[in-house]
Amino acid sequence: MGTQRLNDGRPVIDVMFDTKFDGWSYEEEVRVFANQDGSNTENGIEFYPFSGDFALREVILGEKCRLSIAQFRASVPSMDSLVRVIRARRAVHDFCLEEDPNAS
């Protein structure tokens, strides 16, 4: 079975990965798709190696992440201490995520 394409010829999977809800357009997000082949693993966590002008500035731990912020930092000892790590939660009154002020 071949790659499914839209009428304009673009692969459907590419369009799905490039699509973002307009309400989140304020995010300065960069999406990187990389193979998980085990070559970039540290303490059981797979990561994408940053280099050049591409630098990690912030990590957002979702509600389902079982690690505390301290446990996450400890699990990636090579991560720069200037990288901001926060826990997100669902906003109370809006359809969005917000920083959990009670997270540690």
PDB file of N, CA and C in Angstrom:
ATOM      1  N   MET A   1       0.855  -1.185   0.000  1.00  0.00           N
ATOM      2  CA  MET A   1       0.000   0.000   0.000  1.00  0.00           C
ATOM      3  C   MET A   1       0.893   1.237   0.000  1.00  0.00           C
ATOM      4  N   GLY A   2       0.664   2.155  -0.908  1.00  0.00           N
ATOM      5  CA  GLY A   2       1.497   3.339  -1.037  1.00  0.00           C
ATOM      6  C   GLY A   2       1.115   4.431  -0.058  1.00  0.00           C
ATOM      7  N   THR A   3       1.884   5.509  -0.099  1.00  0.00           N
ATOM      8  CA  THR A   3       1.629   6.665   0.750  1.00  0.00           C
ATOM      9  C   THR A   3       0.354   7.365   0.305  1.00  0.00           C
ATOM     10  N   GLN A   4      -0.544   7.637   1.247  1.00  0.00           N
ATOM     11  CA  GLN A   4      -1.768   8.358   0.907  1.00  0.00           C
ATOM     12  C   GLN A   4      -1.443   9.835   0.744  1.00  0.00           C
ATOM     13  N   ARG A   5      -2.019  10.435  -0.302  1.00  0.00           N
ATOM     14  CA  ARG A   5      -1.725  11.828  -0.613  1.00  0.00           C
ATOM     15  C   ARG A   5      -3.012  12.642  -0.712  1.00  0.00           C
ATOM     16  N   LEU A   6      -2.885  13.933  -0.434  1.00  0.00           N
ATOM     17  CA  LEU A   6      -3.994  14.862  -0.621  1.00  0.00           C
ATOM     18  C   LEU A   6      -4.118  15.185  -2.103  1.00  0.00           C
ATOM     19  N   ASN A   7      -5.181  15.886  -2.482  1.00  0.00           N
ATOM     20  CA  ASN A   7      -5.383  16.255  -3.883  1.00  0.00           C
ATOM     21  C   ASN A   7      -4.232  17.073  -4.446  1.00  0.00           C
ATOM     22  N   ASP A   8      -3.549  17.840  -3.600  1.00  0.00           N
ATOM     23  CA  ASP A   8      -2.431  18.664  -4.092  1.00  0.00           C
ATOM     24  C   ASP A   8      -1.111  17.896  -4.125  1.00  0.00           C
ATOM     25  N   GLY A   9      -1.143  16.610  -3.769  1.00  0.00           N
ATOM     26  CA  GLY A   9       0.052  15.772  -3.876  1.00  0.00           C
ATOM     27  C   GLY A   9       0.853  15.617  -2.596  1.00  0.00           C
ATOM     28  N   ARG A  10       0.535  16.412  -1.565  1.00  0.00           N
ATOM     29  CA  ARG A  10       1.291  16.299  -0.315  1.00  0.00           C
ATOM     30  C   ARG A  10       0.910  15.018   0.412  1.00  0.00           C
ATOM     31  N   PRO A  11       1.897  14.315   0.999  1.00  0.00           N
ATOM     32  CA  PRO A  11       1.565  13.117   1.783  1.00  0.00           C
ATOM     33  C   PRO A  11       0.716  13.497   2.998  1.00  0.00           C
ATOM     34  N   VAL A  12      -0.342  12.730   3.266  1.00  0.00           N
ATOM     35  CA  VAL A  12      -1.253  12.990   4.374  1.00  0.00           C
ATOM     36  C   VAL A  12      -0.485  13.052   5.692  1.00  0.00           C
ATOM     37  N   ILE A  13       0.442  12.139   5.901  1.00  0.00           N
ATOM     38  CA  ILE A  13       1.180  12.095   7.166  1.00  0.00           C
ATOM     39  C   ILE A  13       1.968  13.387   7.393  1.00  0.00           C
ATOM     40  N   ASP A  14       2.541  13.954   6.336  1.00  0.00           N
ATOM     41  CA  ASP A  14       3.281  15.219   6.469  1.00  0.00           C
ATOM     42  C   ASP A  14       2.354  16.351   6.900  1.00  0.00           C
ATOM     43  N   VAL A  15       1.173  16.402   6.317  1.00  0.00           N
ATOM     44  CA  VAL A  15       0.207  17.451   6.657  1.00  0.00           C
ATOM     45  C   VAL A  15      -0.245  17.294   8.106  1.00  0.00           C
ATOM     46  N   MET A  16      -0.454  16.051   8.543  1.00  0.00           N
ATOM     47  CA  MET A  16      -0.865  15.822   9.929  1.00  0.00           C
ATOM     48  C   MET A  16       0.199  16.294  10.909  1.00  0.00           C
ATOM     49  N   PHE A  17       1.457  16.019  10.621  1.00  0.00           N
ATOM     50  CA  PHE A  17       2.537  16.440  11.519  1.00  0.00           C
ATOM     51  C   PHE A  17       2.731  17.947  11.519  1.00  0.00           C
ATOM     52  N   ASP A  18       2.400  18.606  10.424  1.00  0.00           N
ATOM     53  CA  ASP A  18       2.583  20.056  10.317  1.00  0.00           C
ATOM     54  C   ASP A  18       1.375  20.848  10.796  1.00  0.00           C
ATOM     55  N   THR A  19       0.278  20.190  11.123  1.00  0.00           N
ATOM     56  CA  THR A  19      -0.958  20.872  11.503  1.00  0.00           C
ATOM     57  C   THR A  19      -0.935  21.220  12.986  1.00  0.00           C
ATOM     58  N   LYS A  20      -1.350  22.428  13.280  1.00  0.00           N
ATOM     59  CA  LYS A  20      -1.388  22.878  14.669  1.00  0.00           C
ATOM     60  C   LYS A  20      -2.650  23.711  14.883  1.00  0.00           C
ATOM     61  N   PHE A  21      -3.309  23.513  16.016  1.00  0.00           N
ATOM     62  CA  PHE A  21      -4.506  24.262  16.368  1.00  0.00           C
ATOM     63  C   PHE A  21      -4.180  25.750  16.435  1.00  0.00           C
ATOM     64  N   ASP A  22      -4.992  26.584  15.806  1.00  0.00           N
ATOM     65  CA  ASP A  22      -4.751  28.032  15.759  1.00  0.00           C
ATOM     66  C   ASP A  22      -4.616  28.646  17.144  1.00  0.00           C
ATOM     67  N   GLY A  23      -5.340  28.115  18.114  1.00  0.00           N
ATOM     68  CA  GLY A  23      -5.287  28.653  19.471  1.00  0.00           C
ATOM     69  C   GLY A  23      -3.923  28.507  20.123  1.00  0.00           C
ATOM     70  N   TRP A  24      -3.082  27.622  19.590  1.00  0.00           N
ATOM     71  CA  TRP A  24      -1.738  27.429  20.142  1.00  0.00           C
ATOM     72  C   TRP A  24      -0.658  28.051  19.250  1.00  0.00           C
ATOM     73  N   SER A  25      -1.069  28.931  18.349  1.00  0.00           N
ATOM     74  CA  SER A  25      -0.106  29.514  17.411  1.00  0.00           C
ATOM     75  C   SER A  25       0.909  30.429  18.097  1.00  0.00           C
ATOM     76  N   TYR A  26       0.615  30.858  19.340  1.00  0.00           N
ATOM     77  CA  TYR A  26       1.550  31.709  20.076  1.00  0.00           C
ATOM     78  C   TYR A  26       2.818  30.948  20.485  1.00  0.00           C
ATOM     79  N   GLU A  27       2.742  29.624  20.520  1.00  0.00           N
ATOM     80  CA  GLU A  27       3.903  28.841  20.937  1.00  0.00           C
ATOM     81  C   GLU A  27       5.018  28.947  19.893  1.00  0.00           C
ATOM     82  N   GLU A  28       6.209  29.098  20.354  1.00  0.00           N
ATOM     83  CA  GLU A  28       7.368  29.124  19.458  1.00  0.00           C
ATOM     84  C   GLU A  28       7.968  27.724  19.418  1.00  0.00           C
ATOM     85  N   GLU A  29       7.178  26.817  18.902  1.00  0.00           N
ATOM     86  CA  GLU A  29       7.504  25.403  18.921  1.00  0.00           C
ATOM     87  C   GLU A  29       8.333  25.002  17.705  1.00  0.00           C
ATOM     88  N   VAL A  30       9.275  24.108  17.940  1.00  0.00           N
ATOM     89  CA  VAL A  30      10.015  23.477  16.854  1.00  0.00           C
ATOM     90  C   VAL A  30       9.783  21.984  16.989  1.00  0.00           C
ATOM     91  N   ARG A  31       9.305  21.372  15.938  1.00  0.00           N
ATOM     92  CA  ARG A  31       9.060  19.929  15.972  1.00  0.00           C
ATOM     93  C   ARG A  31      10.199  19.212  15.264  1.00  0.00           C
ATOM     94  N   VAL A  32      10.718  18.220  15.929  1.00  0.00           N
ATOM     95  CA  VAL A  32      11.801  17.425  15.366  1.00  0.00           C
ATOM     96  C   VAL A  32      11.359  15.977  15.381  1.00  0.00           C
ATOM     97  N   PHE A  33      11.449  15.330  14.255  1.00  0.00           N
ATOM     98  CA  PHE A  33      11.083  13.921  14.168  1.00  0.00           C
ATOM     99  C   PHE A  33      12.363  13.133  13.947  1.00  0.00           C
ATOM    100  N   ALA A  34      12.616  12.214  14.854  1.00  0.00           N
ATOM    101  CA  ALA A  34      13.847  11.432  14.796  1.00  0.00           C
ATOM    102  C   ALA A  34      13.530   9.971  15.077  1.00  0.00           C
ATOM    103  N   ASN A  35      14.340   9.093  14.538  1.00  0.00           N
ATOM    104  CA  ASN A  35      14.169   7.672  14.797  1.00  0.00           C
ATOM    105  C   ASN A  35      14.602   7.348  16.213  1.00  0.00           C
ATOM    106  N   GLN A  36      13.854   6.495  16.860  1.00  0.00           N
ATOM    107  CA  GLN A  36      14.216   6.026  18.191  1.00  0.00           C
ATOM    108  C   GLN A  36      14.907   4.672  18.020  1.00  0.00           C
ATOM    109  N   ASP A  37      16.202   4.731  17.831  1.00  0.00           N
ATOM    110  CA  ASP A  37      16.950   3.494  17.609  1.00  0.00           C
ATOM    111  C   ASP A  37      17.809   3.103  18.807  1.00  0.00           C
ATOM    112  N   GLY A  38      17.683   3.845  19.906  1.00  0.00           N
ATOM    113  CA  GLY A  38      18.440   3.528  21.112  1.00  0.00           C
ATOM    114  C   GLY A  38      19.828   4.116  21.159  1.00  0.00           C
ATOM    115  N   SER A  39      20.243   4.818  20.103  1.00  0.00           N
ATOM    116  CA  SER A  39      21.605   5.356  20.061  1.00  0.00           C
ATOM    117  C   SER A  39      21.770   6.611  20.920  1.00  0.00           C
ATOM    118  N   ASN A  40      20.686   7.269  21.260  1.00  0.00           N
ATOM    119  CA  ASN A  40      20.735   8.483  22.083  1.00  0.00           C
ATOM    120  C   ASN A  40      19.920   8.276  23.353  1.00  0.00           C
ATOM    121  N   THR A  41      20.402   7.398  24.213  1.00  0.00           N
ATOM    122  CA  THR A  41      19.699   7.068  25.442  1.00  0.00           C
ATOM    123  C   THR A  41      20.579   7.387  26.637  1.00  0.00           C
ATOM    124  N   GLU A  42      19.977   8.039  27.623  1.00  0.00           N
ATOM    125  CA  GLU A  42      20.692   8.355  28.856  1.00  0.00           C
ATOM    126  C   GLU A  42      19.782   8.002  30.019  1.00  0.00           C
ATOM    127  N   ASN A  43      20.227   7.107  30.869  1.00  0.00           N
ATOM    128  CA  ASN A  43      19.434   6.645  32.026  1.00  0.00           C
ATOM    129  C   ASN A  43      18.045   6.153  31.619  1.00  0.00           C
ATOM    130  N   GLY A  44      17.968   5.471  30.499  1.00  0.00           N
ATOM    131  CA  GLY A  44      16.709   4.898  30.050  1.00  0.00           C
ATOM    132  C   GLY A  44      15.778   5.861  29.348  1.00  0.00           C
ATOM    133  N   ILE A  45      16.179   7.121  29.161  1.00  0.00           N
ATOM    134  CA  ILE A  45      15.353   8.120  28.488  1.00  0.00           C
ATOM    135  C   ILE A  45      16.003   8.447  27.156  1.00  0.00           C
ATOM    136  N   GLU A  46      15.244   8.303  26.084  1.00  0.00           N
ATOM    137  CA  GLU A  46      15.766   8.607  24.752  1.00  0.00           C
ATOM    138  C   GLU A  46      15.641  10.104  24.488  1.00  0.00           C
ATOM    139  N   PHE A  47      16.645  10.684  23.864  1.00  0.00           N
ATOM    140  CA  PHE A  47      16.645  12.119  23.611  1.00  0.00           C
ATOM    141  C   PHE A  47      17.198  12.413  22.234  1.00  0.00           C
ATOM    142  N   TYR A  48      16.993  13.636  21.765  1.00  0.00           N
ATOM    143  CA  TYR A  48      17.529  14.111  20.503  1.00  0.00           C
ATOM    144  C   TYR A  48      18.722  15.006  20.829  1.00  0.00           C
ATOM    145  N   PRO A  49      19.887  14.721  20.270  1.00  0.00           N
ATOM    146  CA  PRO A  49      21.068  15.542  20.593  1.00  0.00           C
ATOM    147  C   PRO A  49      20.977  16.937  19.953  1.00  0.00           C
ATOM    148  N   PHE A  50      21.113  17.959  20.748  1.00  0.00           N
ATOM    149  CA  PHE A  50      21.083  19.328  20.252  1.00  0.00           C
ATOM    150  C   PHE A  50      22.492  19.762  19.872  1.00  0.00           C
ATOM    151  N   SER A  51      22.577  20.618  18.856  1.00  0.00           N
ATOM    152  CA  SER A  51      23.883  21.112  18.436  1.00  0.00           C
ATOM    153  C   SER A  51      23.701  22.413  17.666  1.00  0.00           C
ATOM    154  N   GLY A  52      24.791  23.138  17.523  1.00  0.00           N
ATOM    155  CA  GLY A  52      24.757  24.375  16.753  1.00  0.00           C
ATOM    156  C   GLY A  52      23.811  25.400  17.338  1.00  0.00           C
ATOM    157  N   ASP A  53      22.968  25.998  16.489  1.00  0.00           N
ATOM    158  CA  ASP A  53      22.021  27.027  16.916  1.00  0.00           C
ATOM    159  C   ASP A  53      20.745  26.449  17.519  1.00  0.00           C
ATOM    160  N   PHE A  54      20.662  25.143  17.577  1.00  0.00           N
ATOM    161  CA  PHE A  54      19.468  24.463  18.072  1.00  0.00           C
ATOM    162  C   PHE A  54      19.712  24.082  19.522  1.00  0.00           C
ATOM    163  N   ALA A  55      19.082  24.807  20.459  1.00  0.00           N
ATOM    164  CA  ALA A  55      19.340  24.586  21.883  1.00  0.00           C
ATOM    165  C   ALA A  55      18.032  24.376  22.642  1.00  0.00           C
ATOM    166  N   LEU A  56      18.074  23.484  23.600  1.00  0.00           N
ATOM    167  CA  LEU A  56      16.924  23.237  24.452  1.00  0.00           C
ATOM    168  C   LEU A  56      16.811  24.371  25.456  1.00  0.00           C
ATOM    169  N   ARG A  57      15.617  24.980  25.539  1.00  0.00           N
ATOM    170  CA  ARG A  57      15.396  26.076  26.481  1.00  0.00           C
ATOM    171  C   ARG A  57      14.398  25.718  27.566  1.00  0.00           C
ATOM    172  N   GLU A  58      13.459  24.792  27.255  1.00  0.00           N
ATOM    173  CA  GLU A  58      12.409  24.506  28.212  1.00  0.00           C
ATOM    174  C   GLU A  58      11.903  23.078  28.018  1.00  0.00           C
ATOM    175  N   VAL A  59      11.581  22.426  29.134  1.00  0.00           N
ATOM    176  CA  VAL A  59      10.961  21.105  29.122  1.00  0.00           C
ATOM    177  C   VAL A  59       9.655  21.229  29.897  1.00  0.00           C
ATOM    178  N   ILE A  60       8.576  20.758  29.295  1.00  0.00           N
ATOM    179  CA  ILE A  60       7.275  20.790  29.952  1.00  0.00           C
ATOM    180  C   ILE A  60       6.872  19.355  30.251  1.00  0.00           C
ATOM    181  N   LEU A  61       6.730  19.045  31.532  1.00  0.00           N
ATOM    182  CA  LEU A  61       6.290  17.723  31.947  1.00  0.00           C
ATOM    183  C   LEU A  61       4.768  17.723  31.995  1.00  0.00           C
ATOM    184  N   GLY A  62       4.151  16.797  31.322  1.00  0.00           N
ATOM    185  CA  GLY A  62       2.696  16.711  31.281  1.00  0.00           C
ATOM    186  C   GLY A  62       2.121  16.081  32.531  1.00  0.00           C
ATOM    187  N   GLU A  63       0.815  16.129  32.634  1.00  0.00           N
ATOM    188  CA  GLU A  63       0.114  15.606  33.812  1.00  0.00           C
ATOM    189  C   GLU A  63       0.389  14.128  34.057  1.00  0.00           C
ATOM    190  N   LYS A  64       0.610  13.379  32.999  1.00  0.00           N
ATOM    191  CA  LYS A  64       0.801  11.939  33.147  1.00  0.00           C
ATOM    192  C   LYS A  64       2.252  11.548  33.427  1.00  0.00           C
ATOM    193  N   CYS A  65       3.155  12.499  33.396  1.00  0.00           N
ATOM    194  CA  CYS A  65       4.555  12.207  33.707  1.00  0.00           C
ATOM    195  C   CYS A  65       4.662  11.914  35.199  1.00  0.00           C
ATOM    196  N   ARG A  66       5.210  10.770  35.538  1.00  0.00           N
ATOM    197  CA  ARG A  66       5.271  10.358  36.947  1.00  0.00           C
ATOM    198  C   ARG A  66       6.481  10.927  37.685  1.00  0.00           C
ATOM    199  N   LEU A  67       7.411  11.497  36.952  1.00  0.00           N
ATOM    200  CA  LEU A  67       8.607  12.054  37.589  1.00  0.00           C
ATOM    201  C   LEU A  67       8.332  13.447  38.126  1.00  0.00           C
ATOM    202  N   SER A  68       8.917  13.758  39.282  1.00  0.00           N
ATOM    203  CA  SER A  68       8.886  15.141  39.766  1.00  0.00           C
ATOM    204  C   SER A  68       9.897  15.925  38.928  1.00  0.00           C
ATOM    205  N   ILE A  69       9.867  17.221  39.044  1.00  0.00           N
ATOM    206  CA  ILE A  69      10.835  18.049  38.318  1.00  0.00           C
ATOM    207  C   ILE A  69      12.254  17.671  38.745  1.00  0.00           C
ATOM    208  N   ALA A  70      12.464  17.476  40.045  1.00  0.00           N
ATOM    209  CA  ALA A  70      13.789  17.100  40.552  1.00  0.00           C
ATOM    210  C   ALA A  70      14.218  15.732  40.015  1.00  0.00           C
ATOM    211  N   GLN A  71      13.299  14.778  39.977  1.00  0.00           N
ATOM    212  CA  GLN A  71      13.627  13.451  39.452  1.00  0.00           C
ATOM    213  C   GLN A  71      13.967  13.531  37.965  1.00  0.00           C
ATOM    214  N   PHE A  72      13.216  14.348  37.228  1.00  0.00           N
ATOM    215  CA  PHE A  72      13.507  14.507  35.803  1.00  0.00           C
ATOM    216  C   PHE A  72      14.901  15.089  35.611  1.00  0.00           C
ATOM    217  N   ARG A  73      15.204  16.173  36.341  1.00  0.00           N
ATOM    218  CA  ARG A  73      16.540  16.779  36.221  1.00  0.00           C
ATOM    219  C   ARG A  73      17.638  15.774  36.564  1.00  0.00           C
ATOM    220  N   ALA A  74      17.416  14.986  37.615  1.00  0.00           N
ATOM    221  CA  ALA A  74      18.414  13.993  38.029  1.00  0.00           C
ATOM    222  C   ALA A  74      18.579  12.897  36.979  1.00  0.00           C
ATOM    223  N   SER A  75      17.525  12.609  36.225  1.00  0.00           N
ATOM    224  CA  SER A  75      17.599  11.553  35.217  1.00  0.00           C
ATOM    225  C   SER A  75      18.339  11.988  33.960  1.00  0.00           C
ATOM    226  N   VAL A  76      18.549  13.295  33.812  1.00  0.00           N
ATOM    227  CA  VAL A  76      19.276  13.821  32.648  1.00  0.00           C
ATOM    228  C   VAL A  76      20.383  14.745  33.166  1.00  0.00           C
ATOM    229  N   PRO A  77      21.421  14.165  33.771  1.00  0.00           N
ATOM    230  CA  PRO A  77      22.446  15.000  34.400  1.00  0.00           C
ATOM    231  C   PRO A  77      23.215  15.894  33.425  1.00  0.00           C
ATOM    232  N   SER A  78      23.222  15.555  32.148  1.00  0.00           N
ATOM    233  CA  SER A  78      23.952  16.384  31.182  1.00  0.00           C
ATOM    234  C   SER A  78      23.147  17.597  30.717  1.00  0.00           C
ATOM    235  N   MET A  79      21.880  17.706  31.140  1.00  0.00           N
ATOM    236  CA  MET A  79      21.056  18.841  30.724  1.00  0.00           C
ATOM    237  C   MET A  79      21.544  20.116  31.406  1.00  0.00           C
ATOM    238  N   ASP A  80      21.669  21.173  30.643  1.00  0.00           N
ATOM    239  CA  ASP A  80      22.116  22.462  31.160  1.00  0.00           C
ATOM    240  C   ASP A  80      21.185  22.919  32.279  1.00  0.00           C
ATOM    241  N   SER A  81      21.744  23.411  33.368  1.00  0.00           N
ATOM    242  CA  SER A  81      20.937  23.848  34.517  1.00  0.00           C
ATOM    243  C   SER A  81      20.089  25.078  34.189  1.00  0.00           C
ATOM    244  N   LEU A  82      20.383  25.773  33.084  1.00  0.00           N
ATOM    245  CA  LEU A  82      19.591  26.935  32.681  1.00  0.00           C
ATOM    246  C   LEU A  82      18.310  26.550  31.955  1.00  0.00           C
ATOM    247  N   VAL A  83      18.169  25.269  31.594  1.00  0.00           N
ATOM    248  CA  VAL A  83      16.948  24.814  30.928  1.00  0.00           C
ATOM    249  C   VAL A  83      15.804  24.856  31.941  1.00  0.00           C
ATOM    250  N   ARG A  84      14.730  25.529  31.585  1.00  0.00           N
ATOM    251  CA  ARG A  84      13.563  25.657  32.469  1.00  0.00           C
ATOM    252  C   ARG A  84      12.745  24.371  32.387  1.00  0.00           C
ATOM    253  N   VAL A  85      12.428  23.784  33.535  1.00  0.00           N
ATOM    254  CA  VAL A  85      11.598  22.575  33.585  1.00  0.00           C
ATOM    255  C   VAL A  85      10.359  22.901  34.408  1.00  0.00           C
ATOM    256  N   ILE A  86       9.197  22.717  33.806  1.00  0.00           N
ATOM    257  CA  ILE A  86       7.939  22.998  34.491  1.00  0.00           C
ATOM    258  C   ILE A  86       6.992  21.807  34.338  1.00  0.00           C
ATOM    259  N   ARG A  87       5.979  21.778  35.168  1.00  0.00           N
ATOM    260  CA  ARG A  87       4.912  20.786  35.032  1.00  0.00           C
ATOM    261  C   ARG A  87       3.677  21.531  34.551  1.00  0.00           C
ATOM    262  N   ALA A  88       3.008  20.953  33.559  1.00  0.00           N
ATOM    263  CA  ALA A  88       1.799  21.562  33.030  1.00  0.00           C
ATOM    264  C   ALA A  88       0.575  20.829  33.557  1.00  0.00           C
ATOM    265  N   ARG A  89      -0.512  21.538  33.584  1.00  0.00           N
ATOM    266  CA  ARG A  89      -1.798  20.944  33.934  1.00  0.00           C
ATOM    267  C   ARG A  89      -2.856  21.557  33.019  1.00  0.00           C
ATOM    268  N   ARG A  90      -4.002  20.918  32.972  1.00  0.00           N
ATOM    269  CA  ARG A  90      -5.107  21.476  32.196  1.00  0.00           C
ATOM    270  C   ARG A  90      -5.596  22.737  32.888  1.00  0.00           C
ATOM    271  N   ALA A  91      -5.842  23.763  32.116  1.00  0.00           N
ATOM    272  CA  ALA A  91      -6.341  25.012  32.686  1.00  0.00           C
ATOM    273  C   ALA A  91      -7.747  24.806  33.232  1.00  0.00           C
ATOM    274  N   VAL A  92      -8.062  25.532  34.267  1.00  0.00           N
ATOM    275  CA  VAL A  92      -9.351  25.383  34.931  1.00  0.00           C
ATOM    276  C   VAL A  92     -10.496  25.907  34.064  1.00  0.00           C
ATOM    277  N   HIS A  93     -10.309  27.055  33.407  1.00  0.00           N
ATOM    278  CA  HIS A  93     -11.404  27.694  32.693  1.00  0.00           C
ATOM    279  C   HIS A  93     -11.227  27.775  31.186  1.00  0.00           C
ATOM    280  N   ASP A  94     -10.105  27.326  30.662  1.00  0.00           N
ATOM    281  CA  ASP A  94      -9.839  27.426  29.226  1.00  0.00           C
ATOM    282  C   ASP A  94      -9.419  26.077  28.675  1.00  0.00           C
ATOM    283  N   PHE A  95      -9.511  25.944  27.355  1.00  0.00           N
ATOM    284  CA  PHE A  95      -9.035  24.749  26.675  1.00  0.00           C
ATOM    285  C   PHE A  95      -7.561  24.958  26.339  1.00  0.00           C
ATOM    286  N   CYS A  96      -6.725  24.804  27.347  1.00  0.00           N
ATOM    287  CA  CYS A  96      -5.294  24.971  27.158  1.00  0.00           C
ATOM    288  C   CYS A  96      -4.570  24.360  28.354  1.00  0.00           C
ATOM    289  N   LEU A  97      -3.274  24.400  28.293  1.00  0.00           N
ATOM    290  CA  LEU A  97      -2.438  23.959  29.414  1.00  0.00           C
ATOM    291  C   LEU A  97      -1.862  25.183  30.087  1.00  0.00           C
ATOM    292  N   GLU A  98      -1.572  25.046  31.372  1.00  0.00           N
ATOM    293  CA  GLU A  98      -0.949  26.127  32.104  1.00  0.00           C
ATOM    294  C   GLU A  98       0.074  25.521  33.067  1.00  0.00           C
ATOM    295  N   GLU A  99       0.993  26.327  33.510  1.00  0.00           N
ATOM    296  CA  GLU A  99       1.987  25.859  34.466  1.00  0.00           C
ATOM    297  C   GLU A  99       1.298  25.555  35.790  1.00  0.00           C
ATOM    298  N   ASP A 100       1.649  24.430  36.374  1.00  0.00           N
ATOM    299  CA  ASP A 100       1.099  24.036  37.683  1.00  0.00           C
ATOM    300  C   ASP A 100       1.898  24.745  38.760  1.00  0.00           C
ATOM    301  N   PRO A 101       1.308  25.718  39.455  1.00  0.00           N
ATOM    302  CA  PRO A 101       2.060  26.470  40.468  1.00  0.00           C
ATOM    303  C   PRO A 101       2.410  25.646  41.692  1.00  0.00           C
ATOM    304  N   ASN A 102       1.793  24.484  41.870  1.00  0.00           N
ATOM    305  CA  ASN A 102       2.065  23.641  43.032  1.00  0.00           C
ATOM    306  C   ASN A 102       3.090  22.550  42.760  1.00  0.00           C
ATOM    307  N   ALA A 103       3.590  22.486  41.541  1.00  0.00           N
ATOM    308  CA  ALA A 103       4.552  21.428  41.190  1.00  0.00           C
ATOM    309  C   ALA A 103       5.931  21.736  41.746  1.00  0.00           C
ATOM    310  N   SER A 104       6.624  20.663  42.081  1.00  0.00           N
ATOM    311  CA  SER A 104       8.007  20.833  42.538  1.00  0.00           C
ATOM    312  C   SER A 104       8.874  19.768  41.934  1.00  0.00           C
TER     313      SER A 104
END
